[in-house]
Amino acid sequence: MLLLAGPVCTVGQEMFYSDIVEQDPSRTIAEAEAAMPNFTGAPGYDPLPVLRELNTPSLWVLGLEDRSIPVKVTVDHLATLASAGRPFEWRTYPGLGHSLGPQIWADIAPWLARFR
């Protein structure tokens, strides 16, 4: 499974993060990340219960300048899932946002080749 800019957090957390950095472009990603523990809204769908049971090798590709999804929260959750034995990997790219960029394919192609 290959996920491009796929969040691993609740829908409510994603919306909270997006509201901080998308609605006010002067706010920084660091500010949004620092605010994430303060989220108290409705969580909405949470992918973690499904991901805890999933044994499909998976690669998340994430831009560290993403103003749509909380990458730090996503990576923290992925690290926890991987340490619990889920076959999950991720790559992060400084300077890339939600749209990512062509440089990601240099990592994706060899990862996919492992499953031929």
Protein backbone atom coordinates (compact mmCIF):
# COMPACT_ATOMS: atom_id res chain seq x y z
CA MET A 1 0.00 0.00 0.00
CA LEU A 2 1.39 3.38 -1.00
CA LEU A 3 0.00 6.55 0.58
CA LEU A 4 0.90 9.98 -0.76
CA ALA A 5 0.38 12.68 1.89
CA GLY A 6 -1.93 10.38 3.83
CA PRO A 7 -2.68 11.44 7.41
CA VAL A 8 -2.60 9.04 10.34
CA CYS A 9 -4.78 10.96 12.76
CA THR A 10 -8.45 11.60 13.34
CA VAL A 11 -10.40 13.71 10.89
CA GLY A 12 -10.95 16.24 13.68
CA GLN A 13 -7.19 16.55 14.26
CA GLU A 14 -6.57 17.01 10.56
CA MET A 15 -9.21 19.74 10.35
CA PHE A 16 -7.83 21.47 13.47
CA TYR A 17 -4.31 21.49 11.99
CA SER A 18 -5.54 22.65 8.57
CA ASP A 19 -7.56 25.46 10.13
CA ILE A 20 -4.43 26.78 11.81
CA VAL A 21 -2.11 26.84 8.79
CA GLU A 22 -4.42 26.97 5.77
CA GLN A 23 -6.81 29.63 7.04
CA ASP A 24 -3.98 31.89 8.21
CA PRO A 25 -0.92 31.52 5.96
CA SER A 26 1.11 33.68 8.35
CA ARG A 27 0.95 30.86 10.92
CA THR A 28 3.82 28.40 10.78
CA ILE A 29 3.78 24.64 10.68
CA ALA A 30 5.71 24.66 13.96
CA GLU A 31 2.88 26.68 15.55
CA ALA A 32 0.30 24.21 14.28
CA GLU A 33 2.32 21.23 15.51
CA ALA A 34 2.70 22.87 18.92
CA ALA A 35 -1.06 23.41 19.08
CA MET A 36 -2.00 19.80 18.28
CA PRO A 37 -2.02 18.59 21.92
CA ASN A 38 -4.64 21.29 22.61
CA PHE A 39 -7.18 19.73 20.23
CA THR A 40 -10.41 18.95 22.11
CA GLY A 41 -12.94 18.88 19.28
CA ALA A 42 -14.94 16.02 17.87
CA PRO A 43 -12.48 13.40 16.66
CA GLY A 44 -14.44 12.04 13.72
CA TYR A 45 -13.08 8.98 11.94
CA ASP A 46 -9.93 7.52 13.48
CA PRO A 47 -7.84 5.24 11.22
CA LEU A 48 -5.70 3.89 14.07
CA PRO A 49 -7.91 0.93 15.05
CA VAL A 50 -7.86 -0.34 11.46
CA LEU A 51 -4.13 0.29 11.05
CA ARG A 52 -3.39 -1.60 14.29
CA GLU A 53 -4.86 -4.71 12.65
CA LEU A 54 -3.39 -4.23 9.17
CA ASN A 55 -0.45 -6.38 8.08
CA THR A 56 -0.09 -4.99 4.57
CA PRO A 57 3.37 -3.55 3.83
CA SER A 58 2.80 0.18 3.51
CA LEU A 59 4.80 3.27 2.64
CA TRP A 60 3.69 6.78 3.59
CA VAL A 61 5.26 9.62 1.59
CA LEU A 62 5.06 12.94 3.42
CA GLY A 63 6.21 16.49 2.76
CA LEU A 64 7.48 18.23 5.89
CA GLU A 65 5.99 21.54 4.69
CA ASP A 66 2.49 20.08 4.37
CA ARG A 67 -0.10 22.66 5.41
CA SER A 68 -3.00 20.23 5.07
CA ILE A 69 -2.12 17.26 7.27
CA PRO A 70 -0.22 17.10 10.58
CA VAL A 71 2.92 15.28 9.48
CA LYS A 72 4.51 15.16 12.95
CA VAL A 73 1.41 13.52 14.45
CA THR A 74 1.29 11.15 11.47
CA VAL A 75 4.95 10.13 11.86
CA ASP A 76 4.54 9.71 15.62
CA HIS A 77 1.58 7.38 15.07
CA LEU A 78 3.42 5.47 12.35
CA ALA A 79 6.43 5.00 14.62
CA THR A 80 4.18 3.60 17.34
CA LEU A 81 2.47 1.25 14.88
CA ALA A 82 5.80 0.10 13.42
CA SER A 83 7.22 -0.55 16.89
CA ALA A 84 4.16 -2.73 17.54
CA GLY A 85 5.08 -4.86 14.52
CA ARG A 86 3.01 -3.31 11.74
CA PRO A 87 4.94 -3.40 8.40
CA PHE A 88 4.77 0.36 7.95
CA GLU A 89 7.45 2.65 6.59
CA TRP A 90 7.50 6.35 5.80
CA ARG A 91 9.67 8.87 4.03
CA THR A 92 9.64 12.57 4.77
CA TYR A 93 10.83 15.31 2.43
CA PRO A 94 12.02 18.72 3.62
CA GLY A 95 10.72 21.57 1.49
CA LEU A 96 7.80 19.60 0.05
CA GLY A 97 4.17 20.28 0.85
CA HIS A 98 0.95 18.37 0.32
CA SER A 99 1.49 18.19 -3.46
CA LEU A 100 4.88 16.53 -2.93
CA GLY A 101 7.16 16.54 -5.97
CA PRO A 102 8.89 14.31 -8.52
CA GLN A 103 11.83 13.52 -6.21
CA ILE A 104 9.64 11.13 -4.24
CA TRP A 105 9.76 8.57 -7.06
CA ALA A 106 13.42 7.85 -6.36
CA ASP A 107 12.28 6.28 -3.07
CA ILE A 108 8.98 4.83 -4.23
CA ALA A 109 10.30 2.81 -7.18
CA PRO A 110 12.79 0.73 -5.13
CA TRP A 111 10.25 0.24 -2.36
CA LEU A 112 7.69 -1.11 -4.84
CA ALA A 113 10.34 -3.30 -6.51
CA ARG A 114 10.74 -5.22 -3.24
CA PHE A 115 7.30 -6.72 -3.79
CA ARG A 116 7.66 -8.02 -7.33
